[in-house]
Amino acid sequence: MNMLPNYILAFILFVFLIYSGIHIQKAKIQNTFLYGLAILITLLLLGMSLYGIFHSMSLGQVQSILENHFS
């Protein structure tokens, strides 16, 4: 049950990336900086959730590893 948020978050973020890839081809983006920032945050969260899935960790543990690495 501890890994369920990782799977849910990974699925939601993956669907968002697919939707945004389709959306950017159909419409003009008004603020590309904010759109790029949203994509970067999405990729970071997707990477965190996939790391947690592969190493059987919760998202809190992955976050603490990242915080300890950069501090």
C-alpha atoms as a PDB file:
ATOM      1  CA  MET A   1       0.000   0.000   0.000  1.00  0.00           C
ATOM      2  CA  ASN A   2       2.987   2.284   0.504  1.00  0.00           C
ATOM      3  CA  MET A   3       3.868   2.146  -3.208  1.00  0.00           C
ATOM      4  CA  LEU A   4       0.381   2.994  -4.471  1.00  0.00           C
ATOM      5  CA  PRO A   5       0.952   6.787  -4.557  1.00  0.00           C
ATOM      6  CA  ASN A   6       4.057   6.224  -6.712  1.00  0.00           C
ATOM      7  CA  TYR A   7       2.088   4.272  -9.293  1.00  0.00           C
ATOM      8  CA  ILE A   8      -0.802   6.738  -9.290  1.00  0.00           C
ATOM      9  CA  LEU A   9       1.494   9.756  -9.602  1.00  0.00           C
ATOM     10  CA  ALA A  10       3.541   8.128 -12.372  1.00  0.00           C
ATOM     11  CA  PHE A  11       0.375   7.329 -14.329  1.00  0.00           C
ATOM     12  CA  ILE A  12      -1.064  10.838 -13.936  1.00  0.00           C
ATOM     13  CA  LEU A  13       2.198  12.507 -14.933  1.00  0.00           C
ATOM     14  CA  PHE A  14       2.675  10.211 -17.922  1.00  0.00           C
ATOM     15  CA  VAL A  15      -0.853  11.018 -19.140  1.00  0.00           C
ATOM     16  CA  PHE A  16      -0.151  14.736 -18.632  1.00  0.00           C
ATOM     17  CA  LEU A  17       2.999  14.514 -20.762  1.00  0.00           C
ATOM     18  CA  ILE A  18       1.118  12.743 -23.550  1.00  0.00           C
ATOM     19  CA  TYR A  19      -1.745  15.255 -23.376  1.00  0.00           C
ATOM     20  CA  SER A  20       0.624  18.222 -23.376  1.00  0.00           C
ATOM     21  CA  GLY A  21       2.503  16.787 -26.369  1.00  0.00           C
ATOM     22  CA  ILE A  22      -0.738  16.566 -28.317  1.00  0.00           C
ATOM     23  CA  HIS A  23      -1.916  19.964 -27.054  1.00  0.00           C
ATOM     24  CA  ILE A  24       1.239  21.817 -28.084  1.00  0.00           C
ATOM     25  CA  GLN A  25       0.861  20.589 -31.670  1.00  0.00           C
ATOM     26  CA  LYS A  26      -2.746  21.777 -31.952  1.00  0.00           C
ATOM     27  CA  ALA A  27      -2.638  25.167 -30.219  1.00  0.00           C
ATOM     28  CA  LYS A  28      -0.327  28.112 -29.852  1.00  0.00           C
ATOM     29  CA  ILE A  29       1.160  28.433 -26.385  1.00  0.00           C
ATOM     30  CA  GLN A  30       0.924  31.986 -25.020  1.00  0.00           C
ATOM     31  CA  ASN A  31       3.614  31.765 -22.342  1.00  0.00           C
ATOM     32  CA  THR A  32       6.281  29.273 -23.335  1.00  0.00           C
ATOM     33  CA  PHE A  33       8.367  29.874 -20.202  1.00  0.00           C
ATOM     34  CA  LEU A  34       5.583  28.752 -17.867  1.00  0.00           C
ATOM     35  CA  TYR A  35       4.759  25.828 -20.127  1.00  0.00           C
ATOM     36  CA  GLY A  36       8.406  24.732 -20.162  1.00  0.00           C
ATOM     37  CA  LEU A  37       8.577  25.091 -16.381  1.00  0.00           C
ATOM     38  CA  ALA A  38       5.496  22.896 -16.002  1.00  0.00           C
ATOM     39  CA  ILE A  39       7.068  20.250 -18.248  1.00  0.00           C
ATOM     40  CA  LEU A  40      10.317  20.331 -16.235  1.00  0.00           C
ATOM     41  CA  ILE A  41       8.459  19.939 -12.941  1.00  0.00           C
ATOM     42  CA  THR A  42       6.427  17.108 -14.437  1.00  0.00           C
ATOM     43  CA  LEU A  43       9.591  15.315 -15.586  1.00  0.00           C
ATOM     44  CA  LEU A  44      11.164  15.768 -12.149  1.00  0.00           C
ATOM     45  CA  LEU A  45       8.138  14.322 -10.368  1.00  0.00           C
ATOM     46  CA  LEU A  46       7.870  11.487 -12.886  1.00  0.00           C
ATOM     47  CA  GLY A  47      11.533  10.662 -12.320  1.00  0.00           C
ATOM     48  CA  MET A  48      11.058  10.724  -8.558  1.00  0.00           C
ATOM     49  CA  SER A  49       8.063   8.415  -8.712  1.00  0.00           C
ATOM     50  CA  LEU A  50       9.812   5.990 -11.089  1.00  0.00           C
ATOM     51  CA  TYR A  51      12.900   5.962  -8.852  1.00  0.00           C
ATOM     52  CA  GLY A  52      10.657   5.174  -5.903  1.00  0.00           C
ATOM     53  CA  ILE A  53       8.953   2.370  -7.817  1.00  0.00           C
ATOM     54  CA  PHE A  54      12.235   0.766  -8.928  1.00  0.00           C
ATOM     55  CA  HIS A  55      13.846   0.984  -5.481  1.00  0.00           C
ATOM     56  CA  SER A  56      10.676   0.280  -3.420  1.00  0.00           C
ATOM     57  CA  MET A  57      10.727   3.634  -1.615  1.00  0.00           C
ATOM     58  CA  SER A  58       8.025   6.080  -0.737  1.00  0.00           C
ATOM     59  CA  LEU A  59       8.023   9.552  -2.280  1.00  0.00           C
ATOM     60  CA  GLY A  60       9.055  11.066   1.061  1.00  0.00           C
ATOM     61  CA  GLN A  61      12.200   8.936   1.145  1.00  0.00           C
ATOM     62  CA  VAL A  62      13.081   9.916  -2.428  1.00  0.00           C
ATOM     63  CA  GLN A  63      12.566  13.571  -1.534  1.00  0.00           C
ATOM     64  CA  SER A  64      14.832  13.292   1.498  1.00  0.00           C
ATOM     65  CA  ILE A  65      17.559  11.649  -0.637  1.00  0.00           C
ATOM     66  CA  LEU A  66      17.365  14.564  -3.087  1.00  0.00           C
ATOM     67  CA  GLU A  67      17.411  17.143  -0.293  1.00  0.00           C
ATOM     68  CA  ASN A  68      20.448  15.535   1.333  1.00  0.00           C
ATOM     69  CA  HIS A  69      22.255  15.359  -1.990  1.00  0.00           C
ATOM     70  CA  PHE A  70      21.835  19.064  -2.767  1.00  0.00           C
ATOM     71  CA  SER A  71      22.408  20.476   0.706  1.00  0.00           C
END
